[in-house]
Amino acid sequence: MKQEVVVIIGAGGIGMAIARRQGFGKHILLADFDEKVLASAANELESASYKVTRLKVDVSSRESVRALANAAAALGSVVNVVNTAGVSPNMAPPDRVLSVDLYGSAVVFEEFERVIAPGGAGLIVSSMAGHMSAGLPAEQEHELAFAPADELLSKPFLSSEAVPNSMVAYIVSKRANHLRVQASAISWGKRGARVNSISPGIIATPLAQHELNSPIGDVYRAMIDASPAKRMASPDEVAVAASYLLGPDAGFVTGSDLLIDGGVIAAMLAGLLPNPA
């Protein structure tokens, strides 16, 4: 019997929480762009008796993602693929946000479709920002969903003139994640596999702390204060939701997004918060 493989792309707080919940008794292929973060995360899992292989990946490079998918298939039966890779608006210029959060996500869907096992499931950790946009024109949304990944960044509506700052790039990227999940549900379904997304709000991770300590920290604090939950979530809360979407209880769920934001988007709809979009 082939060994079951769980691929976790992104070794940050959410990725690690999902790895701990999904990976015990399986072979975890842990990937990240930052080799120091990757080594530390892999050592932490190994010290807790998880079986781990680590591999550097750059999701903005098809060659790198293809190598990761091939490595996963060589290890055994790829039953779960979880992509948590991303950069925030406060971390990178617009072109880098689009390369990682939009193009990179599309490439992961395309490359892992080749190797996902029948009955397997994929998941992208997107963002509540994908729910902040009222939507793009229908033609553009169709392109974001179905255009080959390598054509996406050349679309005029993703040019530097059309996407003037990192916040716009981030919101468009996360909207694209949701659309890409819907499209990928069709092609993954032909392999007997499912794919969904989760859109977290503010999660208590080092990245969130970086944002809270940045010049836009007051915006984050306002979101927390205005939300019904009035708090951040722990990475483990996201991992619980991920476990459901990746497991057999969600066998009828594909092409969907689960918003886990403590009600921030609801607060925006109620006019309690300005909408960055």
Protein backbone atom coordinates (compact mmCIF):
# COMPACT_ATOMS: atom_id res chain seq x y z
CA MET A 1 0.00 0.00 0.00
CA LYS A 2 1.34 3.41 -0.96
CA GLN A 3 2.26 5.83 1.79
CA GLU A 4 -0.14 8.75 2.11
CA VAL A 5 1.44 12.17 1.54
CA VAL A 6 0.25 15.52 2.87
CA VAL A 7 1.79 18.55 1.13
CA ILE A 8 1.94 21.78 3.13
CA ILE A 9 3.13 24.85 1.23
CA GLY A 10 4.04 27.59 3.70
CA ALA A 11 5.59 26.75 7.07
CA GLY A 12 4.11 29.66 9.00
CA GLY A 13 1.59 29.54 11.83
CA ILE A 14 -1.42 28.36 9.83
CA GLY A 15 0.57 25.90 7.73
CA MET A 16 2.10 24.35 10.83
CA ALA A 17 -1.25 24.07 12.62
CA ILE A 18 -2.71 22.25 9.61
CA ALA A 19 0.39 20.05 9.31
CA ARG A 20 0.10 18.96 12.94
CA ARG A 21 -3.58 18.14 12.55
CA GLN A 22 -3.45 16.43 9.14
CA GLY A 23 -0.02 14.90 9.00
CA PHE A 24 0.40 12.45 11.86
CA GLY A 25 0.80 8.91 10.56
CA LYS A 26 1.34 10.26 7.04
CA HIS A 27 4.38 11.65 5.24
CA ILE A 28 4.43 15.44 5.33
CA LEU A 29 6.13 17.22 2.46
CA LEU A 30 6.74 20.65 3.94
CA ALA A 31 7.71 23.49 1.60
CA ASP A 32 8.53 27.16 2.04
CA PHE A 33 10.47 29.91 0.27
CA ASP A 34 12.40 30.83 3.44
CA GLU A 35 14.87 28.02 4.13
CA LYS A 36 15.47 29.06 7.76
CA VAL A 37 11.74 29.04 8.52
CA LEU A 38 11.43 25.74 6.69
CA ALA A 39 14.26 24.09 8.64
CA SER A 40 12.92 25.28 11.99
CA ALA A 41 9.38 24.12 11.21
CA ALA A 42 10.53 20.72 9.94
CA ASN A 43 12.69 20.18 13.03
CA GLU A 44 9.74 21.04 15.27
CA LEU A 45 7.52 18.47 13.56
CA GLU A 46 10.23 15.81 13.51
CA SER A 47 10.87 16.29 17.23
CA ALA A 48 7.17 15.50 17.77
CA SER A 49 7.55 12.23 15.80
CA TYR A 50 6.08 13.40 12.49
CA LYS A 51 7.63 12.06 9.30
CA VAL A 52 8.76 15.07 7.29
CA THR A 53 10.52 15.82 4.02
CA ARG A 54 11.38 19.46 3.43
CA LEU A 55 11.81 21.24 0.11
CA LYS A 56 12.29 24.89 -0.77
CA VAL A 57 9.64 26.22 -3.16
CA ASP A 58 8.91 29.48 -4.92
CA VAL A 59 5.24 29.40 -5.87
CA SER A 60 5.81 32.23 -8.35
CA SER A 61 7.98 29.82 -10.40
CA ARG A 62 6.22 27.04 -12.32
CA GLU A 63 9.44 25.03 -12.46
CA SER A 64 9.74 25.15 -8.68
CA VAL A 65 6.11 24.14 -8.10
CA ARG A 66 6.40 21.36 -10.70
CA ALA A 67 9.44 20.00 -8.90
CA LEU A 68 7.49 20.04 -5.63
CA ALA A 69 4.54 18.18 -7.17
CA ASN A 70 6.87 15.59 -8.69
CA ALA A 71 8.63 15.14 -5.34
CA ALA A 72 5.27 14.63 -3.62
CA ALA A 73 4.22 11.97 -6.13
CA ALA A 74 7.55 10.18 -5.68
CA LEU A 75 6.92 9.90 -1.94
CA GLY A 76 3.56 8.15 -2.26
CA SER A 77 -0.14 8.83 -2.70
CA VAL A 78 -0.80 12.59 -2.51
CA VAL A 79 -4.01 12.78 -0.47
CA ASN A 80 -3.89 16.43 0.68
CA VAL A 81 -2.36 19.60 -0.77
CA VAL A 82 -2.56 22.76 1.32
CA ASN A 83 -1.27 26.06 -0.02
CA THR A 84 -0.78 28.75 2.64
CA ALA A 85 1.88 30.71 0.74
CA GLY A 86 1.26 34.42 0.34
CA VAL A 87 2.51 37.94 0.93
CA SER A 88 0.50 40.72 2.52
CA PRO A 89 -0.02 44.24 1.11
CA ASN A 90 2.38 45.58 3.73
CA MET A 91 5.15 43.17 2.71
CA ALA A 92 5.54 43.56 -1.05
CA PRO A 93 4.87 45.78 -4.09
CA PRO A 94 1.83 45.06 -6.30
CA ASP A 95 3.67 42.96 -8.87
CA ARG A 96 5.06 40.64 -6.20
CA VAL A 97 1.65 40.27 -4.55
CA LEU A 98 0.16 39.28 -7.90
CA SER A 99 3.03 36.89 -8.66
CA VAL A 100 2.72 35.00 -5.37
CA ASP A 101 -0.91 35.32 -4.31
CA LEU A 102 -2.59 35.17 -7.71
CA TYR A 103 -0.28 33.51 -10.24
CA GLY A 104 1.36 31.25 -7.66
CA SER A 105 -1.95 29.95 -6.45
CA ALA A 106 -3.10 29.17 -9.99
CA VAL A 107 0.15 27.32 -10.71
CA VAL A 108 -0.24 25.20 -7.57
CA PHE A 109 -3.74 24.19 -8.68
CA GLU A 110 -2.50 23.27 -12.15
CA GLU A 111 0.61 21.34 -11.13
CA PHE A 112 -0.92 19.37 -8.27
CA GLU A 113 -3.93 18.43 -10.36
CA ARG A 114 -1.52 16.08 -12.15
CA VAL A 115 -0.60 14.18 -8.99
CA ILE A 116 -3.53 14.42 -6.55
CA ALA A 117 -4.83 10.98 -5.63
CA PRO A 118 -8.43 9.93 -6.38
CA GLY A 119 -10.39 10.83 -3.27
CA GLY A 120 -7.81 13.46 -2.37
CA ALA A 121 -8.45 17.09 -1.50
CA GLY A 122 -6.74 20.42 -2.03
CA LEU A 123 -7.09 23.61 -0.03
CA ILE A 124 -5.82 27.13 -0.43
CA VAL A 125 -5.69 29.46 2.55
CA SER A 126 -6.91 32.67 0.94
CA SER A 127 -8.15 35.73 2.88
CA MET A 128 -11.26 37.59 3.92
CA ALA A 129 -9.96 40.26 1.51
CA GLY A 130 -11.44 38.16 -1.28
CA HIS A 131 -14.87 39.07 0.10
CA MET A 132 -14.18 42.80 0.14
CA SER A 133 -14.61 43.28 -3.59
CA ALA A 134 -18.03 43.66 -5.17
CA GLY A 135 -16.65 41.62 -8.05
CA LEU A 136 -15.06 42.39 -11.38
CA PRO A 137 -16.74 42.49 -14.80
CA ALA A 138 -17.94 39.03 -15.82
CA GLU A 139 -15.35 38.68 -18.60
CA GLN A 140 -12.50 39.44 -16.20
CA GLU A 141 -13.82 37.03 -13.58
CA HIS A 142 -14.01 34.30 -16.21
CA GLU A 143 -10.40 34.97 -17.19
CA LEU A 144 -9.27 34.83 -13.55
CA ALA A 145 -11.05 31.51 -13.15
CA PHE A 146 -10.17 29.70 -16.37
CA ALA A 147 -7.25 31.34 -18.21
CA PRO A 148 -4.04 29.28 -18.19
CA ALA A 149 -1.95 30.46 -15.26
CA ASP A 150 0.95 31.52 -17.46
CA GLU A 151 -1.32 33.99 -19.30
CA LEU A 152 -2.77 35.66 -16.21
CA LEU A 153 -0.19 38.33 -15.45
CA SER A 154 -0.27 39.60 -19.04
CA LYS A 155 -3.97 40.47 -18.81
CA PRO A 156 -4.53 44.24 -19.22
CA PHE A 157 -6.76 44.38 -16.14
CA LEU A 158 -3.80 43.18 -14.04
CA SER A 159 -1.35 45.74 -15.43
CA SER A 160 0.41 48.24 -13.17
CA GLU A 161 -1.96 50.94 -14.40
CA ALA A 162 -5.02 48.89 -13.49
CA VAL A 163 -3.62 47.65 -10.16
CA PRO A 164 -2.08 50.80 -8.65
CA ASN A 165 -1.14 49.57 -5.17
CA SER A 166 -0.54 46.48 -3.10
CA MET A 167 -3.93 46.54 -1.37
CA VAL A 168 -5.76 46.42 -4.70
CA ALA A 169 -3.40 43.66 -5.85
CA TYR A 170 -4.13 41.69 -2.68
CA ILE A 171 -7.91 42.01 -2.90
CA VAL A 172 -7.92 41.06 -6.59
CA SER A 173 -5.61 38.10 -5.87
CA LYS A 174 -7.84 36.76 -3.15
CA ARG A 175 -10.94 37.18 -5.29
CA ALA A 176 -9.06 35.25 -7.97
CA ASN A 177 -8.34 32.46 -5.46
CA HIS A 178 -12.07 31.95 -4.93
CA LEU A 179 -12.75 31.92 -8.65
CA ARG A 180 -9.84 29.57 -9.33
CA VAL A 181 -11.16 27.14 -6.74
CA GLN A 182 -14.51 27.04 -8.52
CA ALA A 183 -12.85 26.36 -11.86
CA SER A 184 -10.41 23.82 -10.42
CA ALA A 185 -13.28 21.92 -8.83
CA ILE A 186 -14.28 20.92 -12.39
CA SER A 187 -10.87 19.69 -13.52
CA TRP A 188 -9.88 18.15 -10.17
CA GLY A 189 -13.25 16.41 -10.11
CA LYS A 190 -12.25 14.47 -13.22
CA ARG A 191 -9.57 12.83 -11.04
CA GLY A 192 -12.08 12.17 -8.28
CA ALA A 193 -10.57 14.90 -6.11
CA ARG A 194 -11.94 18.03 -4.44
CA VAL A 195 -10.59 21.54 -3.93
CA ASN A 196 -11.77 24.37 -1.67
CA SER A 197 -10.54 27.53 -0.01
CA ILE A 198 -10.58 29.08 3.44
CA SER A 199 -10.64 32.85 3.90
CA PRO A 200 -9.31 33.70 7.34
CA GLY A 201 -9.61 37.05 9.01
CA ILE A 202 -6.96 38.21 11.49
CA ILE A 203 -5.16 35.16 12.85
CA ALA A 204 -2.71 35.29 15.75
CA THR A 205 0.50 34.56 13.85
CA PRO A 206 3.86 36.34 13.58
CA LEU A 207 2.62 37.80 10.27
CA ALA A 208 -0.42 39.32 11.99
CA GLN A 209 1.81 40.75 14.71
CA HIS A 210 4.00 42.30 12.02
CA GLU A 211 0.93 43.93 10.51
CA LEU A 212 -0.33 45.13 13.91
CA ASN A 213 3.03 46.76 14.57
CA SER A 214 3.13 48.38 11.11
CA PRO A 215 1.74 51.77 10.02
CA ILE A 216 -1.56 50.06 9.15
CA GLY A 217 -1.85 48.43 12.57
CA ASP A 218 -4.73 50.72 13.55
CA VAL A 219 -6.77 49.38 10.63
CA TYR A 220 -6.34 45.85 11.93
CA ARG A 221 -7.26 46.87 15.48
CA ALA A 222 -10.38 48.62 14.16
CA MET A 223 -11.41 45.43 12.38
CA ILE A 224 -11.04 43.42 15.57
CA ASP A 225 -12.98 45.97 17.63
CA ALA A 226 -15.85 46.24 15.11
CA SER A 227 -16.21 42.48 14.55
CA PRO A 228 -18.84 40.49 16.48
CA ALA A 229 -16.10 38.16 17.79
CA LYS A 230 -13.92 41.11 18.95
CA ARG A 231 -10.76 39.02 18.86
CA MET A 232 -8.23 37.36 16.62
CA ALA A 233 -8.39 33.62 15.97
CA SER A 234 -5.72 31.07 16.71
CA PRO A 235 -4.10 29.08 13.89
CA ASP A 236 -5.62 25.96 15.41
CA GLU A 237 -9.12 27.29 14.73
CA VAL A 238 -8.24 27.53 11.04
CA ALA A 239 -6.75 24.01 11.17
CA VAL A 240 -10.02 22.61 12.53
CA ALA A 241 -11.92 24.07 9.58
CA ALA A 242 -9.24 22.86 7.18
CA SER A 243 -9.50 19.35 8.62
CA TYR A 244 -13.21 19.30 7.81
CA LEU A 245 -12.71 20.49 4.22
CA LEU A 246 -9.86 18.06 3.62
CA GLY A 247 -11.64 15.08 5.15
CA PRO A 248 -14.42 12.64 4.24
CA ASP A 249 -17.16 14.58 6.05
CA ALA A 250 -16.82 17.25 3.35
CA GLY A 251 -17.12 14.76 0.50
CA PHE A 252 -19.90 16.83 -1.12
CA VAL A 253 -18.06 20.14 -0.70
CA THR A 254 -15.92 21.32 -3.61
CA GLY A 255 -15.41 24.64 -5.36
CA SER A 256 -16.37 26.44 -2.15
CA ASP A 257 -14.88 29.08 0.15
CA LEU A 258 -15.26 29.12 3.93
CA LEU A 259 -15.04 32.60 5.47
CA ILE A 260 -13.50 32.50 8.97
CA ASP A 261 -13.19 36.14 9.99
CA GLY A 262 -15.05 36.61 13.27
CA GLY A 263 -17.56 38.72 11.40
CA VAL A 264 -15.27 41.42 9.96
CA ILE A 265 -16.95 41.28 6.56
CA ALA A 266 -20.35 41.39 8.26
CA ALA A 267 -19.21 44.54 10.09
CA MET A 268 -18.20 46.09 6.77
CA LEU A 269 -21.56 45.26 5.22
CA ALA A 270 -23.25 46.85 8.24
CA GLY A 271 -21.29 50.05 7.72
CA LEU A 272 -19.32 49.67 10.94
CA LEU A 273 -16.03 49.62 9.04
CA PRO A 274 -14.76 51.22 5.84
CA ASN A 275 -14.14 48.76 3.03
CA PRO A 276 -10.56 48.95 1.66
CA ALA A 277 -11.87 47.93 -1.76
